[in-house]
């Protein structure tokens, strides 16, 4: 992983590569029994972090708290409903690659996706976007070949299933949802 710590906002090479994956091509398209098309991933990655100012406005709007700031968050993508995927700088002094990935949904839902960027790459490789990983109770493996190749190039943690990664991250940050909702007005 290519990153430095502190207040660095350098976009990680691994996330730039994820942003280069076409999540709308036929590989990610599924058709349900009624013949309706749907995309397997509900994830639209950015090739950059949203600005600090934009993130603070978004965070204040999400919480309804004009005093809240988004300084601890680096937004790098969204789902189709407007929920946001972000790195949460929860571990002061550690590089961005060692920070957890979280999700804030458009309807007030939120959750921890992975304990670090490397594990997030494995969550994607196992077939889950940030919203699905943060909010789902069941995470059966559905490996994705292009995202597995990205993870194999950049991940520094061993390959595990999305279920194992999300379960571990939720255990490590058990009060994330409660703490976020405590900021809401």
N, C-alpha and C. Protein backbone atom coordinates (compact mmCIF):
# COMPACT_ATOMS: atom_id res chain seq x y z
N UNK A 1 0.85 -1.17 0.00
CA UNK A 1 0.00 0.00 0.00
C UNK A 1 0.90 1.23 0.00
N UNK A 2 0.47 2.21 -0.73
CA UNK A 2 1.24 3.43 -0.87
C UNK A 2 0.57 4.52 -0.05
N UNK A 3 1.14 4.82 1.12
CA UNK A 3 0.50 5.83 1.96
C UNK A 3 1.44 6.32 3.05
N UNK A 4 1.15 7.49 3.55
CA UNK A 4 1.83 8.02 4.71
C UNK A 4 0.78 8.37 5.74
N UNK A 5 1.20 8.69 6.93
CA UNK A 5 0.23 8.90 8.02
C UNK A 5 -0.11 10.35 8.27
N UNK A 6 -0.58 10.61 9.50
CA UNK A 6 -0.92 11.95 9.93
C UNK A 6 -2.14 12.49 9.22
N UNK A 7 -2.03 13.71 8.74
CA UNK A 7 -3.15 14.38 8.09
C UNK A 7 -3.06 14.26 6.57
N UNK A 8 -2.25 13.36 6.09
CA UNK A 8 -2.07 13.15 4.67
C UNK A 8 -3.40 12.84 3.99
N UNK A 9 -3.61 13.45 2.83
CA UNK A 9 -4.81 13.18 2.03
C UNK A 9 -4.41 12.59 0.68
N UNK A 10 -3.21 12.02 0.60
CA UNK A 10 -2.78 11.39 -0.65
C UNK A 10 -3.65 10.17 -0.93
N UNK A 11 -4.15 10.11 -2.14
CA UNK A 11 -5.05 9.02 -2.49
C UNK A 11 -4.24 7.73 -2.68
N UNK A 12 -4.59 6.67 -1.95
CA UNK A 12 -3.84 5.42 -2.06
C UNK A 12 -3.90 4.82 -3.46
N UNK A 13 -2.78 4.30 -3.92
CA UNK A 13 -2.69 3.68 -5.24
C UNK A 13 -3.73 2.56 -5.37
N UNK A 14 -3.91 1.78 -4.32
CA UNK A 14 -4.87 0.67 -4.38
C UNK A 14 -6.28 1.17 -4.63
N UNK A 15 -6.68 2.26 -3.99
CA UNK A 15 -8.02 2.80 -4.22
C UNK A 15 -8.14 3.40 -5.62
N UNK A 16 -7.07 3.98 -6.13
CA UNK A 16 -7.09 4.49 -7.50
C UNK A 16 -7.30 3.34 -8.48
N UNK A 17 -6.69 2.22 -8.19
CA UNK A 17 -6.87 1.06 -9.06
C UNK A 17 -8.29 0.51 -8.96
N UNK A 18 -8.86 0.50 -7.76
CA UNK A 18 -10.26 0.09 -7.59
C UNK A 18 -11.16 1.02 -8.39
N UNK A 19 -10.88 2.32 -8.35
CA UNK A 19 -11.69 3.29 -9.08
C UNK A 19 -11.61 3.07 -10.59
N UNK A 20 -10.56 2.41 -11.05
CA UNK A 20 -10.42 2.12 -12.46
C UNK A 20 -11.22 0.92 -12.93
N UNK A 21 -11.79 0.15 -11.99
CA UNK A 21 -12.62 -0.99 -12.35
C UNK A 21 -13.99 -0.47 -12.78
N UNK A 22 -14.47 -0.96 -13.90
CA UNK A 22 -15.77 -0.53 -14.41
C UNK A 22 -16.86 -1.35 -13.74
N UNK A 23 -17.45 -0.79 -12.67
CA UNK A 23 -18.47 -1.50 -11.91
C UNK A 23 -19.80 -1.57 -12.66
N UNK A 24 -19.86 -1.04 -13.87
CA UNK A 24 -21.09 -1.07 -14.65
C UNK A 24 -20.99 -1.94 -15.89
N UNK A 25 -19.87 -2.64 -16.06
CA UNK A 25 -19.78 -3.49 -17.24
C UNK A 25 -20.58 -4.77 -17.02
N UNK A 26 -20.67 -5.58 -18.06
CA UNK A 26 -21.50 -6.78 -18.01
C UNK A 26 -21.05 -7.79 -16.96
N UNK A 27 -19.79 -7.76 -16.59
CA UNK A 27 -19.28 -8.67 -15.57
C UNK A 27 -20.01 -8.49 -14.24
N UNK A 28 -20.43 -7.28 -13.94
CA UNK A 28 -21.08 -6.97 -12.68
C UNK A 28 -22.60 -6.94 -12.77
N UNK A 29 -23.11 -7.23 -13.96
CA UNK A 29 -24.54 -7.19 -14.18
C UNK A 29 -25.17 -8.54 -13.84
N UNK A 30 -26.26 -8.51 -13.11
CA UNK A 30 -27.03 -9.72 -12.84
C UNK A 30 -28.45 -9.49 -13.33
N UNK A 31 -29.14 -10.58 -13.60
CA UNK A 31 -30.52 -10.51 -14.03
C UNK A 31 -31.33 -11.38 -13.09
N UNK A 32 -32.37 -10.79 -12.47
CA UNK A 32 -33.17 -11.58 -11.53
C UNK A 32 -34.18 -12.44 -12.29
N UNK A 33 -34.95 -13.21 -11.54
CA UNK A 33 -35.89 -14.14 -12.18
C UNK A 33 -36.99 -13.44 -12.97
N UNK A 34 -37.23 -12.16 -12.72
CA UNK A 34 -38.21 -11.40 -13.49
C UNK A 34 -37.60 -10.76 -14.73
N UNK A 35 -36.30 -10.98 -14.93
CA UNK A 35 -35.61 -10.40 -16.08
C UNK A 35 -35.10 -8.99 -15.86
N UNK A 36 -35.21 -8.49 -14.62
CA UNK A 36 -34.73 -7.15 -14.32
C UNK A 36 -33.22 -7.17 -14.11
N UNK A 37 -32.55 -6.21 -14.73
CA UNK A 37 -31.11 -6.10 -14.58
C UNK A 37 -30.76 -5.39 -13.29
N UNK A 38 -29.69 -5.83 -12.66
CA UNK A 38 -29.20 -5.19 -11.45
C UNK A 38 -27.69 -5.36 -11.42
N UNK A 39 -27.03 -4.43 -10.80
CA UNK A 39 -25.58 -4.53 -10.67
C UNK A 39 -25.24 -5.21 -9.35
N UNK A 40 -24.29 -6.14 -9.42
CA UNK A 40 -23.91 -6.92 -8.25
C UNK A 40 -23.32 -6.04 -7.16
N UNK A 41 -22.57 -5.04 -7.53
CA UNK A 41 -21.99 -4.11 -6.57
C UNK A 41 -22.77 -2.81 -6.64
N UNK A 42 -23.17 -2.30 -5.50
CA UNK A 42 -23.77 -0.97 -5.46
C UNK A 42 -22.67 -0.05 -4.93
N UNK A 43 -21.70 0.23 -5.79
CA UNK A 43 -20.53 0.99 -5.39
C UNK A 43 -20.03 1.80 -6.56
N UNK A 44 -19.83 3.08 -6.32
CA UNK A 44 -19.29 4.00 -7.31
C UNK A 44 -18.04 4.63 -6.70
N UNK A 45 -16.87 4.03 -6.94
CA UNK A 45 -15.65 4.58 -6.34
C UNK A 45 -15.19 5.86 -7.04
N UNK A 46 -14.58 6.74 -6.27
CA UNK A 46 -13.97 7.96 -6.80
C UNK A 46 -12.49 7.70 -7.02
N UNK A 47 -11.86 8.40 -7.94
CA UNK A 47 -10.41 8.31 -8.09
C UNK A 47 -9.69 9.36 -7.24
N UNK A 48 -10.36 9.85 -6.21
CA UNK A 48 -9.82 10.90 -5.33
C UNK A 48 -10.63 10.91 -4.04
N UNK A 49 -10.11 11.58 -3.02
CA UNK A 49 -10.89 11.84 -1.81
C UNK A 49 -11.69 13.12 -2.03
N UNK A 50 -12.92 13.14 -1.55
CA UNK A 50 -13.68 14.39 -1.57
C UNK A 50 -12.92 15.40 -0.70
N UNK A 51 -13.11 16.68 -0.96
CA UNK A 51 -12.39 17.70 -0.21
C UNK A 51 -12.82 17.69 1.26
N UNK A 52 -11.97 18.24 2.11
CA UNK A 52 -12.28 18.34 3.54
C UNK A 52 -13.53 19.19 3.75
N UNK A 53 -13.67 20.25 2.98
CA UNK A 53 -14.84 21.12 3.10
C UNK A 53 -16.12 20.39 2.71
N UNK A 54 -16.06 19.67 1.59
CA UNK A 54 -17.22 18.91 1.14
C UNK A 54 -17.59 17.85 2.18
N UNK A 55 -16.59 17.16 2.70
CA UNK A 55 -16.83 16.11 3.69
C UNK A 55 -17.47 16.67 4.95
N UNK A 56 -17.01 17.83 5.41
CA UNK A 56 -17.62 18.44 6.60
C UNK A 56 -19.08 18.81 6.32
N UNK A 57 -19.36 19.38 5.15
CA UNK A 57 -20.76 19.70 4.81
C UNK A 57 -21.62 18.44 4.78
N UNK A 58 -21.10 17.39 4.16
CA UNK A 58 -21.83 16.12 4.08
C UNK A 58 -22.07 15.56 5.48
N UNK A 59 -21.05 15.56 6.31
CA UNK A 59 -21.15 15.00 7.66
C UNK A 59 -22.14 15.80 8.51
N UNK A 60 -22.10 17.11 8.39
CA UNK A 60 -23.06 17.95 9.12
C UNK A 60 -24.49 17.69 8.64
N UNK A 61 -24.66 17.55 7.36
CA UNK A 61 -25.98 17.26 6.82
C UNK A 61 -26.46 15.89 7.29
N UNK A 62 -25.58 14.90 7.26
CA UNK A 62 -25.93 13.53 7.64
C UNK A 62 -26.34 13.47 9.11
N UNK A 63 -25.59 14.17 9.97
CA UNK A 63 -25.87 14.13 11.41
C UNK A 63 -26.91 15.15 11.84
N UNK A 64 -27.15 16.17 11.01
CA UNK A 64 -28.02 17.27 11.42
C UNK A 64 -27.39 18.12 12.50
N UNK A 65 -26.10 18.01 12.66
CA UNK A 65 -25.35 18.67 13.71
C UNK A 65 -24.40 19.69 13.08
N UNK A 66 -24.70 20.97 13.20
CA UNK A 66 -23.88 22.00 12.57
C UNK A 66 -22.53 22.17 13.24
N UNK A 67 -22.32 21.56 14.40
CA UNK A 67 -21.03 21.64 15.07
C UNK A 67 -20.12 20.45 14.74
N UNK A 68 -20.69 19.41 14.16
CA UNK A 68 -19.89 18.23 13.82
C UNK A 68 -18.96 18.57 12.66
N UNK A 69 -17.80 17.95 12.63
CA UNK A 69 -16.93 18.13 11.48
C UNK A 69 -16.58 16.75 10.92
N UNK A 70 -16.12 16.76 9.71
CA UNK A 70 -15.78 15.51 9.05
C UNK A 70 -14.29 15.28 8.98
N UNK A 71 -13.53 15.92 9.87
CA UNK A 71 -12.07 15.84 9.80
C UNK A 71 -11.52 14.42 9.88
N UNK A 72 -12.23 13.53 10.54
CA UNK A 72 -11.72 12.17 10.72
C UNK A 72 -12.05 11.26 9.53
N UNK A 73 -12.72 11.80 8.50
CA UNK A 73 -13.21 10.96 7.41
C UNK A 73 -12.68 11.41 6.05
N UNK A 74 -12.37 10.44 5.21
CA UNK A 74 -11.92 10.69 3.85
C UNK A 74 -12.84 9.90 2.93
N UNK A 75 -13.76 10.59 2.27
CA UNK A 75 -14.76 9.95 1.42
C UNK A 75 -14.14 9.58 0.08
N UNK A 76 -14.32 8.30 -0.32
CA UNK A 76 -13.75 7.83 -1.58
C UNK A 76 -14.75 7.13 -2.49
N UNK A 77 -16.02 7.13 -2.12
CA UNK A 77 -17.01 6.51 -3.00
C UNK A 77 -18.39 6.57 -2.40
N UNK A 78 -19.36 6.07 -3.18
CA UNK A 78 -20.74 6.10 -2.73
C UNK A 78 -21.50 4.92 -3.31
N UNK A 79 -22.69 4.69 -2.76
CA UNK A 79 -23.60 3.73 -3.37
C UNK A 79 -24.62 4.51 -4.19
N UNK A 80 -25.50 3.81 -4.88
CA UNK A 80 -26.46 4.47 -5.76
C UNK A 80 -27.47 5.35 -5.04
N UNK A 81 -27.67 5.13 -3.75
CA UNK A 81 -28.62 5.93 -2.98
C UNK A 81 -27.97 7.15 -2.34
N UNK A 82 -26.65 7.28 -2.47
CA UNK A 82 -25.96 8.43 -1.90
C UNK A 82 -25.25 8.15 -0.59
N UNK A 83 -25.23 6.90 -0.13
CA UNK A 83 -24.44 6.55 1.04
C UNK A 83 -22.96 6.68 0.70
N UNK A 84 -22.13 6.91 1.70
CA UNK A 84 -20.71 7.21 1.45
C UNK A 84 -19.77 6.19 2.07
N UNK A 85 -18.78 5.78 1.28
CA UNK A 85 -17.69 4.93 1.75
C UNK A 85 -16.54 5.84 2.10
N UNK A 86 -15.89 5.56 3.23
CA UNK A 86 -14.82 6.45 3.66
C UNK A 86 -13.80 5.76 4.54
N UNK A 87 -12.62 6.30 4.52
CA UNK A 87 -11.60 5.91 5.49
C UNK A 87 -11.86 6.75 6.73
N UNK A 88 -11.86 6.10 7.87
CA UNK A 88 -12.08 6.76 9.16
C UNK A 88 -10.75 6.81 9.89
N UNK A 89 -10.21 7.99 10.11
CA UNK A 89 -8.92 8.12 10.81
C UNK A 89 -9.17 7.95 12.30
N UNK A 90 -9.32 6.70 12.69
CA UNK A 90 -9.62 6.34 14.08
C UNK A 90 -8.37 6.01 14.89
N UNK A 91 -7.26 5.84 14.21
CA UNK A 91 -6.00 5.46 14.85
C UNK A 91 -4.98 6.56 14.63
N UNK A 92 -4.95 7.55 15.55
CA UNK A 92 -4.04 8.69 15.38
C UNK A 92 -2.59 8.26 15.16
N UNK A 93 -1.97 8.94 14.21
CA UNK A 93 -0.55 8.71 13.94
C UNK A 93 -0.25 7.55 13.01
N UNK A 94 -1.25 6.74 12.69
CA UNK A 94 -1.00 5.62 11.78
C UNK A 94 -1.33 6.03 10.35
N UNK A 95 -0.69 5.38 9.38
CA UNK A 95 -0.94 5.70 7.98
C UNK A 95 -2.39 5.41 7.58
N UNK A 96 -2.84 6.03 6.49
CA UNK A 96 -4.20 5.80 6.01
C UNK A 96 -4.47 4.33 5.75
N UNK A 97 -3.47 3.61 5.27
CA UNK A 97 -3.65 2.18 4.98
C UNK A 97 -4.00 1.37 6.23
N UNK A 98 -3.69 1.89 7.40
CA UNK A 98 -3.97 1.19 8.66
C UNK A 98 -5.24 1.68 9.34
N UNK A 99 -6.01 2.50 8.68
CA UNK A 99 -7.24 3.05 9.25
C UNK A 99 -8.44 2.22 8.77
N UNK A 100 -9.51 2.16 9.58
CA UNK A 100 -10.69 1.39 9.16
C UNK A 100 -11.45 2.08 8.03
N UNK A 101 -12.21 1.26 7.32
CA UNK A 101 -13.12 1.73 6.28
C UNK A 101 -14.53 1.61 6.82
N UNK A 102 -15.32 2.67 6.67
CA UNK A 102 -16.69 2.69 7.21
C UNK A 102 -17.65 3.16 6.13
N UNK A 103 -18.93 3.05 6.43
CA UNK A 103 -19.98 3.44 5.50
C UNK A 103 -21.07 4.19 6.25
N UNK A 104 -21.50 5.33 5.69
CA UNK A 104 -22.66 6.07 6.18
C UNK A 104 -23.72 6.03 5.09
N UNK A 105 -24.85 5.40 5.37
CA UNK A 105 -25.91 5.25 4.38
C UNK A 105 -26.78 6.48 4.27
N UNK A 106 -27.54 6.53 3.20
CA UNK A 106 -28.39 7.69 2.92
C UNK A 106 -29.62 7.76 3.82
N UNK A 107 -29.94 6.68 4.50
CA UNK A 107 -31.13 6.64 5.37
C UNK A 107 -30.76 6.55 6.85
N UNK A 108 -29.55 6.98 7.21
CA UNK A 108 -29.14 6.98 8.60
C UNK A 108 -28.47 5.71 9.07
N UNK A 109 -28.34 4.73 8.20
CA UNK A 109 -27.64 3.51 8.59
C UNK A 109 -26.13 3.72 8.47
N UNK A 110 -25.38 2.98 9.24
CA UNK A 110 -23.93 3.10 9.19
C UNK A 110 -23.29 1.82 9.71
N UNK A 111 -22.02 1.63 9.39
CA UNK A 111 -21.33 0.46 9.88
C UNK A 111 -19.88 0.45 9.48
N UNK A 112 -19.13 -0.41 10.16
CA UNK A 112 -17.72 -0.62 9.86
C UNK A 112 -17.63 -1.69 8.78
N UNK A 113 -16.81 -1.44 7.79
CA UNK A 113 -16.64 -2.36 6.66
C UNK A 113 -15.41 -3.24 6.85
N UNK A 114 -14.29 -2.63 7.22
CA UNK A 114 -13.02 -3.35 7.35
C UNK A 114 -12.12 -2.60 8.32
N UNK A 115 -11.21 -3.33 8.94
CA UNK A 115 -10.30 -2.73 9.92
C UNK A 115 -9.17 -1.94 9.31
N UNK A 116 -8.93 -2.11 8.01
CA UNK A 116 -7.87 -1.37 7.32
C UNK A 116 -8.10 -1.46 5.82
N UNK A 117 -7.33 -0.72 5.08
CA UNK A 117 -7.51 -0.66 3.63
C UNK A 117 -7.23 -2.00 2.96
N UNK A 118 -6.24 -2.71 3.44
CA UNK A 118 -5.92 -4.01 2.87
C UNK A 118 -7.10 -4.97 3.01
N UNK A 119 -7.68 -5.02 4.20
CA UNK A 119 -8.85 -5.88 4.39
C UNK A 119 -10.02 -5.43 3.53
N UNK A 120 -10.17 -4.13 3.32
CA UNK A 120 -11.22 -3.63 2.44
C UNK A 120 -11.05 -4.20 1.03
N UNK A 121 -9.82 -4.27 0.55
CA UNK A 121 -9.58 -4.84 -0.77
C UNK A 121 -10.04 -6.29 -0.83
N UNK A 122 -9.83 -7.04 0.25
CA UNK A 122 -10.30 -8.44 0.29
C UNK A 122 -11.81 -8.52 0.37
N UNK A 123 -12.47 -7.54 1.03
CA UNK A 123 -13.94 -7.51 1.05
C UNK A 123 -14.45 -7.34 -0.38
N UNK A 124 -13.87 -6.40 -1.12
CA UNK A 124 -14.25 -6.23 -2.52
C UNK A 124 -14.00 -7.50 -3.32
N UNK A 125 -12.84 -8.10 -3.11
CA UNK A 125 -12.48 -9.33 -3.83
C UNK A 125 -13.45 -10.46 -3.54
N UNK A 126 -14.05 -10.45 -2.35
CA UNK A 126 -14.99 -11.50 -1.97
C UNK A 126 -16.41 -11.20 -2.47
N UNK A 127 -16.57 -10.09 -3.17
CA UNK A 127 -17.83 -9.81 -3.82
C UNK A 127 -18.74 -8.81 -3.15
N UNK A 128 -18.20 -7.96 -2.28
CA UNK A 128 -19.05 -7.01 -1.56
C UNK A 128 -18.53 -5.59 -1.64
N UNK A 129 -19.45 -4.66 -1.90
CA UNK A 129 -19.15 -3.24 -1.83
C UNK A 129 -19.29 -2.78 -0.40
N UNK A 130 -18.94 -1.52 -0.12
CA UNK A 130 -18.98 -1.01 1.25
C UNK A 130 -20.38 -1.05 1.88
N UNK A 131 -21.41 -0.68 1.14
CA UNK A 131 -22.75 -0.67 1.74
C UNK A 131 -23.21 -2.07 2.08
N UNK A 132 -23.00 -3.02 1.17
CA UNK A 132 -23.42 -4.39 1.43
C UNK A 132 -22.66 -4.97 2.63
N UNK A 133 -21.36 -4.72 2.68
CA UNK A 133 -20.55 -5.27 3.77
C UNK A 133 -20.92 -4.66 5.12
N UNK A 134 -21.16 -3.36 5.13
CA UNK A 134 -21.46 -2.68 6.40
C UNK A 134 -22.83 -3.04 6.94
N UNK A 135 -23.78 -3.33 6.07
CA UNK A 135 -25.16 -3.45 6.49
C UNK A 135 -25.72 -4.87 6.47
N UNK A 136 -25.08 -5.79 5.77
CA UNK A 136 -25.61 -7.14 5.65
C UNK A 136 -25.28 -7.99 6.87
N UNK A 137 -26.18 -8.89 7.19
CA UNK A 137 -25.93 -9.85 8.26
C UNK A 137 -25.29 -11.13 7.71
N UNK A 138 -25.64 -11.49 6.51
CA UNK A 138 -25.09 -12.67 5.85
C UNK A 138 -24.19 -12.21 4.71
N UNK A 139 -23.01 -12.79 4.62
CA UNK A 139 -22.06 -12.41 3.58
C UNK A 139 -21.47 -13.66 2.92
N UNK A 140 -22.27 -14.40 2.15
CA UNK A 140 -21.70 -15.57 1.48
C UNK A 140 -20.69 -15.13 0.42
N UNK A 141 -19.60 -15.85 0.31
CA UNK A 141 -18.54 -15.49 -0.64
C UNK A 141 -19.05 -15.53 -2.07
N UNK A 142 -18.67 -14.51 -2.83
CA UNK A 142 -18.96 -14.43 -4.26
C UNK A 142 -17.73 -13.80 -4.92
N UNK A 143 -16.59 -14.53 -4.94
CA UNK A 143 -15.33 -13.95 -5.39
C UNK A 143 -15.42 -13.26 -6.75
N UNK A 144 -14.70 -12.14 -6.84
CA UNK A 144 -14.68 -11.31 -8.03
C UNK A 144 -13.26 -11.29 -8.58
N UNK A 145 -13.09 -11.77 -9.81
CA UNK A 145 -11.76 -11.92 -10.38
C UNK A 145 -11.00 -10.61 -10.56
N UNK A 146 -11.56 -9.57 -11.19
CA UNK A 146 -10.80 -8.33 -11.33
C UNK A 146 -10.41 -7.70 -9.99
N UNK A 147 -11.31 -7.73 -9.02
CA UNK A 147 -10.99 -7.13 -7.72
C UNK A 147 -10.06 -8.02 -6.90
N UNK A 148 -10.09 -9.31 -7.16
CA UNK A 148 -9.12 -10.21 -6.51
C UNK A 148 -7.71 -9.87 -7.00
N UNK A 149 -7.58 -9.60 -8.29
CA UNK A 149 -6.26 -9.23 -8.83
C UNK A 149 -5.75 -7.93 -8.20
N UNK A 150 -6.65 -6.96 -7.98
CA UNK A 150 -6.26 -5.71 -7.32
C UNK A 150 -5.79 -6.02 -5.90
N UNK A 151 -6.55 -6.81 -5.17
CA UNK A 151 -6.18 -7.16 -3.80
C UNK A 151 -4.85 -7.92 -3.76
N UNK A 152 -4.66 -8.83 -4.68
CA UNK A 152 -3.41 -9.59 -4.70
C UNK A 152 -2.20 -8.69 -4.94
N UNK A 153 -2.37 -7.62 -5.70
CA UNK A 153 -1.27 -6.68 -5.96
C UNK A 153 -0.99 -5.76 -4.78
N UNK A 154 -2.04 -5.40 -4.00
CA UNK A 154 -1.87 -4.33 -3.01
C UNK A 154 -2.09 -4.73 -1.56
N UNK A 155 -2.80 -5.79 -1.31
CA UNK A 155 -3.12 -6.15 0.08
C UNK A 155 -1.87 -6.63 0.83
N UNK A 156 -1.81 -6.24 2.08
CA UNK A 156 -0.70 -6.66 2.95
C UNK A 156 -1.18 -7.60 4.04
N UNK A 157 -2.47 -7.86 4.09
CA UNK A 157 -3.03 -8.80 5.06
C UNK A 157 -3.41 -10.08 4.32
N UNK A 158 -3.50 -11.19 5.04
CA UNK A 158 -3.87 -12.44 4.37
C UNK A 158 -5.30 -12.39 3.85
N UNK A 159 -5.53 -13.14 2.78
CA UNK A 159 -6.88 -13.22 2.22
C UNK A 159 -7.80 -13.91 3.22
N UNK A 160 -8.96 -13.28 3.43
CA UNK A 160 -10.03 -13.84 4.25
C UNK A 160 -11.35 -13.51 3.58
N UNK A 161 -12.41 -14.13 4.03
CA UNK A 161 -13.72 -13.82 3.46
C UNK A 161 -14.22 -12.49 3.99
N UNK A 162 -15.16 -11.91 3.26
CA UNK A 162 -15.78 -10.67 3.71
C UNK A 162 -16.41 -10.87 5.09
N UNK A 163 -17.04 -12.00 5.28
CA UNK A 163 -17.68 -12.28 6.57
C UNK A 163 -16.67 -12.22 7.71
N UNK A 164 -15.51 -12.85 7.54
CA UNK A 164 -14.48 -12.84 8.58
C UNK A 164 -13.97 -11.42 8.83
N UNK A 165 -13.75 -10.68 7.76
CA UNK A 165 -13.21 -9.33 7.89
C UNK A 165 -14.21 -8.40 8.56
N UNK A 166 -15.45 -8.43 8.10
CA UNK A 166 -16.47 -7.54 8.66
C UNK A 166 -16.74 -7.90 10.12
N UNK A 167 -16.82 -9.18 10.43
CA UNK A 167 -17.04 -9.61 11.82
C UNK A 167 -15.91 -9.12 12.72
N UNK A 168 -14.67 -9.23 12.26
CA UNK A 168 -13.53 -8.75 13.04
C UNK A 168 -13.54 -7.25 13.22
N UNK A 169 -13.89 -6.51 12.16
CA UNK A 169 -13.92 -5.05 12.25
C UNK A 169 -15.03 -4.58 13.17
N UNK A 170 -16.18 -5.23 13.10
CA UNK A 170 -17.28 -4.87 14.01
C UNK A 170 -16.90 -5.13 15.46
N UNK A 171 -16.17 -6.21 15.71
CA UNK A 171 -15.72 -6.52 17.07
C UNK A 171 -14.68 -5.51 17.55
N UNK A 172 -13.83 -5.04 16.65
CA UNK A 172 -12.80 -4.08 17.02
C UNK A 172 -13.39 -2.69 17.30
N UNK A 173 -14.46 -2.34 16.59
CA UNK A 173 -15.09 -1.02 16.74
C UNK A 173 -16.57 -1.20 17.08
N UNK A 174 -16.87 -1.79 18.23
CA UNK A 174 -18.25 -2.16 18.54
C UNK A 174 -19.19 -0.98 18.76
N UNK A 175 -18.66 0.20 19.04
CA UNK A 175 -19.54 1.34 19.33
C UNK A 175 -19.60 2.35 18.18
N UNK A 176 -19.05 1.99 17.01
CA UNK A 176 -19.04 2.95 15.90
C UNK A 176 -20.44 3.49 15.60
N UNK A 177 -21.41 2.62 15.39
CA UNK A 177 -22.77 3.06 15.05
C UNK A 177 -23.36 3.92 16.17
N UNK A 178 -23.20 3.48 17.39
CA UNK A 178 -23.71 4.23 18.54
C UNK A 178 -23.04 5.60 18.65
N UNK A 179 -21.74 5.65 18.44
CA UNK A 179 -20.99 6.91 18.53
C UNK A 179 -21.41 7.88 17.41
N UNK A 180 -21.61 7.38 16.22
CA UNK A 180 -22.06 8.24 15.12
C UNK A 180 -23.46 8.78 15.40
N UNK A 181 -24.35 7.89 15.83
CA UNK A 181 -25.72 8.33 16.09
C UNK A 181 -25.80 9.30 17.29
N UNK A 182 -24.83 9.24 18.19
CA UNK A 182 -24.81 10.18 19.31
C UNK A 182 -24.52 11.60 18.83
N UNK A 183 -23.89 11.74 17.66
CA UNK A 183 -23.64 13.07 17.09
C UNK A 183 -24.86 13.66 16.40
N UNK A 184 -25.86 12.82 16.14
CA UNK A 184 -27.03 13.28 15.40
C UNK A 184 -27.93 14.15 16.26
N UNK A 185 -28.53 15.14 15.64
CA UNK A 185 -29.44 16.04 16.33
C UNK A 185 -30.84 15.87 15.79
